[in-house]
N, C-alpha and C. Protein backbone atom coordinates (compact mmCIF):
# COMPACT_ATOMS: atom_id res chain seq x y z
N MET A 1 104.97 128.96 162.98
CA MET A 1 104.81 129.41 161.49
C MET A 1 103.82 127.99 161.20
N GLU A 2 102.58 128.49 160.45
CA GLU A 2 101.50 127.77 159.73
C GLU A 2 102.00 127.46 158.39
N THR A 3 101.80 126.20 158.07
CA THR A 3 101.81 125.89 156.59
C THR A 3 100.60 125.55 156.26
N THR A 4 100.22 125.82 154.87
CA THR A 4 99.07 125.26 154.60
C THR A 4 99.52 123.92 153.58
N ARG A 5 98.72 122.79 153.83
CA ARG A 5 98.93 121.68 152.61
C ARG A 5 97.88 121.74 151.82
N ALA A 6 98.29 121.19 150.41
CA ALA A 6 97.24 121.11 149.63
C ALA A 6 96.76 119.44 150.04
N LYS A 7 95.37 119.18 149.53
CA LYS A 7 95.05 117.89 149.86
C LYS A 7 95.22 117.28 148.39
N ARG A 8 95.86 115.92 149.02
CA ARG A 8 96.13 114.95 147.69
C ARG A 8 94.95 114.11 147.77
N ARG A 9 94.59 113.67 146.37
CA ARG A 9 93.74 112.74 146.28
C ARG A 9 94.31 111.29 146.02
N LEU A 10 94.12 110.32 146.70
CA LEU A 10 94.82 108.81 146.75
C LEU A 10 93.98 108.26 145.33
N ALA A 11 94.82 107.30 144.82
CA ALA A 11 94.16 106.92 143.75
C ALA A 11 93.09 105.64 144.00
N THR A 12 93.42 105.32 145.44
CA THR A 12 92.37 104.13 146.00
C THR A 12 91.09 104.47 146.64
N SER A 13 90.85 106.06 146.57
CA SER A 13 89.70 106.79 147.01
C SER A 13 88.47 106.14 146.74
N PRO A 14 87.39 106.27 147.21
CA PRO A 14 86.30 105.94 146.91
C PRO A 14 85.03 106.86 146.33
N PHE A 15 85.57 108.34 146.47
CA PHE A 15 85.02 109.29 145.79
C PHE A 15 85.31 109.75 144.74
N LYS A 16 84.50 110.16 143.57
CA LYS A 16 84.90 110.71 142.46
C LYS A 16 85.62 111.73 142.61
N GLN A 17 86.53 112.38 141.53
CA GLN A 17 87.15 113.39 141.65
C GLN A 17 86.36 114.61 141.10
N PRO A 18 86.20 115.80 141.56
CA PRO A 18 85.06 116.67 141.09
C PRO A 18 85.55 117.00 139.49
N VAL A 19 84.36 117.04 138.81
CA VAL A 19 84.59 117.71 137.11
C VAL A 19 84.49 119.03 137.28
N PRO A 20 85.29 119.80 136.56
CA PRO A 20 84.99 121.19 136.62
C PRO A 20 84.00 121.42 135.54
N ALA A 21 83.06 122.53 135.87
CA ALA A 21 82.19 123.12 134.68
C ALA A 21 82.87 123.54 133.43
N PRO A 22 82.28 123.02 132.32
CA PRO A 22 82.69 123.70 131.25
C PRO A 22 82.69 125.04 131.15
N ILE A 23 83.19 126.01 130.38
CA ILE A 23 83.43 127.37 130.17
C ILE A 23 82.71 127.48 129.52
N LYS A 24 81.56 128.90 129.61
CA LYS A 24 80.66 129.28 128.94
C LYS A 24 81.31 129.97 127.74
N THR A 25 80.49 130.20 126.39
CA THR A 25 81.33 130.80 125.33
C THR A 25 79.80 131.83 124.94
N PHE A 26 80.74 132.89 124.48
CA PHE A 26 79.64 133.86 124.28
C PHE A 26 79.71 134.70 122.88
N GLU A 27 78.97 135.43 122.23
CA GLU A 27 79.20 135.99 120.88
C GLU A 27 78.95 137.15 120.91
N VAL A 28 79.61 137.99 120.24
CA VAL A 28 79.21 139.55 119.88
C VAL A 28 77.69 139.58 119.57
N GLY A 29 76.67 140.43 120.11
CA GLY A 29 75.27 140.64 119.45
C GLY A 29 74.27 139.77 120.33
N GLY A 30 75.00 138.71 121.01
CA GLY A 30 73.91 137.70 121.59
C GLY A 30 73.24 138.26 122.84
N ARG A 31 72.16 137.88 123.05
CA ARG A 31 71.27 138.56 124.36
C ARG A 31 71.64 137.34 125.49
N VAL A 32 71.47 138.12 126.74
CA VAL A 32 72.11 137.46 127.91
C VAL A 32 71.56 138.17 128.94
N SER A 33 71.25 137.43 130.07
CA SER A 33 70.52 137.77 131.26
C SER A 33 71.70 137.56 132.47
N HIS A 34 71.92 138.76 133.29
CA HIS A 34 72.62 138.33 134.55
C HIS A 34 71.97 138.55 135.81
N ASP A 35 72.29 137.50 136.56
CA ASP A 35 71.36 137.52 137.75
C ASP A 35 71.04 138.75 138.28
N LYS A 36 71.86 139.55 138.64
CA LYS A 36 72.00 141.00 139.57
C LYS A 36 71.19 142.25 138.36
N GLU A 37 72.23 142.38 137.30
CA GLU A 37 72.11 143.48 136.56
C GLU A 37 70.59 143.46 135.47
N GLY A 38 70.35 142.28 135.28
CA GLY A 38 69.20 142.28 134.33
C GLY A 38 69.77 141.69 132.74
N ILE A 39 68.54 142.30 131.67
CA ILE A 39 69.04 141.53 130.52
C ILE A 39 70.01 142.69 129.86
N GLY A 40 70.64 142.08 128.85
CA GLY A 40 71.71 142.80 127.92
C GLY A 40 71.76 142.31 126.55
N ARG A 41 73.18 142.86 125.98
CA ARG A 41 73.32 142.42 124.73
C ARG A 41 74.97 142.71 124.90
N ILE A 42 75.70 141.28 124.43
CA ILE A 42 77.08 141.27 124.27
C ILE A 42 77.78 142.45 123.33
N THR A 43 78.43 143.05 123.85
CA THR A 43 79.15 144.04 122.82
C THR A 43 80.77 143.84 122.55
N ALA A 44 81.55 143.04 123.31
CA ALA A 44 82.83 142.39 122.85
C ALA A 44 83.09 141.51 123.74
N VAL A 45 83.73 140.46 123.13
CA VAL A 45 84.63 139.39 123.65
C VAL A 45 85.69 139.44 123.89
N GLU A 46 86.40 139.58 125.16
CA GLU A 46 88.02 139.14 125.26
C GLU A 46 88.62 138.06 125.76
N GLY A 47 88.61 137.02 124.41
CA GLY A 47 88.81 135.69 124.50
C GLY A 47 87.88 134.72 125.38
N ALA A 48 88.69 134.01 126.49
CA ALA A 48 87.84 133.20 127.20
C ALA A 48 88.02 133.91 128.68
N GLU A 49 88.32 134.98 129.12
CA GLU A 49 88.71 136.00 130.22
C GLU A 49 87.61 136.45 130.46
N ALA A 50 86.85 137.22 129.74
CA ALA A 50 85.81 138.13 130.05
C ALA A 50 84.94 138.75 128.81
N VAL A 51 83.73 139.23 128.99
CA VAL A 51 82.89 139.92 128.09
C VAL A 51 82.45 141.10 128.35
N VAL A 52 82.11 142.05 127.44
CA VAL A 52 81.20 143.23 128.10
C VAL A 52 79.84 143.24 127.72
N VAL A 53 79.15 143.36 128.41
CA VAL A 53 77.46 143.69 128.31
C VAL A 53 77.02 144.80 128.23
N ASP A 54 76.42 145.43 127.44
CA ASP A 54 75.59 146.74 127.06
C ASP A 54 74.17 146.32 127.92
N LEU A 55 73.94 146.96 128.92
CA LEU A 55 72.94 146.75 129.63
C LEU A 55 71.66 147.69 129.43
N GLY A 56 71.81 148.80 128.43
CA GLY A 56 71.11 149.90 127.90
C GLY A 56 71.41 151.25 128.68
N LYS A 57 71.00 152.35 128.21
CA LYS A 57 71.06 153.40 128.85
C LYS A 57 72.58 153.78 129.22
N GLY A 58 73.56 153.27 128.42
CA GLY A 58 75.05 153.56 128.62
C GLY A 58 75.38 152.71 129.62
N ARG A 59 74.97 152.03 129.87
CA ARG A 59 75.46 151.06 131.14
C ARG A 59 76.06 149.77 130.62
N LEU A 60 77.45 149.55 130.94
CA LEU A 60 78.22 148.64 130.57
C LEU A 60 78.81 147.56 131.49
N LEU A 61 78.69 146.42 131.30
CA LEU A 61 79.25 145.80 132.40
C LEU A 61 80.21 144.43 132.18
N ARG A 62 81.15 144.57 132.60
CA ARG A 62 82.53 143.48 131.99
C ARG A 62 82.22 142.79 133.31
N VAL A 63 82.11 141.32 132.43
CA VAL A 63 81.65 140.08 133.44
C VAL A 63 83.02 139.16 132.93
N MET A 64 83.86 138.78 134.11
CA MET A 64 85.00 137.91 134.38
C MET A 64 84.57 136.52 134.48
N ALA A 65 85.26 135.60 133.34
CA ALA A 65 85.06 134.41 133.47
C ALA A 65 85.18 133.41 134.87
N PRO A 66 84.37 132.54 135.35
CA PRO A 66 83.60 131.61 134.79
C PRO A 66 82.41 131.83 134.44
N PHE A 67 81.94 132.98 134.59
CA PHE A 67 80.43 133.64 134.04
C PHE A 67 79.36 132.84 134.70
N HIS A 68 79.40 132.51 135.97
CA HIS A 68 78.23 132.15 136.83
C HIS A 68 77.30 132.93 137.04
N LYS A 69 77.13 134.03 137.02
CA LYS A 69 76.08 134.80 136.98
C LYS A 69 75.45 135.46 135.71
N LEU A 70 75.94 134.77 134.55
CA LEU A 70 75.68 135.26 133.11
C LEU A 70 74.97 134.13 132.35
N HIS A 71 73.75 134.37 131.69
CA HIS A 71 73.30 132.89 131.11
C HIS A 71 72.53 133.77 129.89
N LYS A 72 72.76 132.63 128.84
CA LYS A 72 72.38 133.03 127.31
C LYS A 72 70.61 132.94 127.17
N LEU A 73 70.24 133.91 126.52
CA LEU A 73 68.65 134.02 126.29
C LEU A 73 68.45 133.15 124.81
């Protein structure tokens, strides 16, 4: 039986601990660009977990955090 081990960071390690990227925040009505789907407008914000983007012509897209493919315009 295989077990997976979590990598432990030693206090004496010469390598810096990776810094997590800050979570992007969006507001309703803000214009955004999605890497794959194009330009749209934020129609709903579901806390820090997800946003709903109106891409036009009745197309809605729900994007989950951490929003790597979504950029403010």
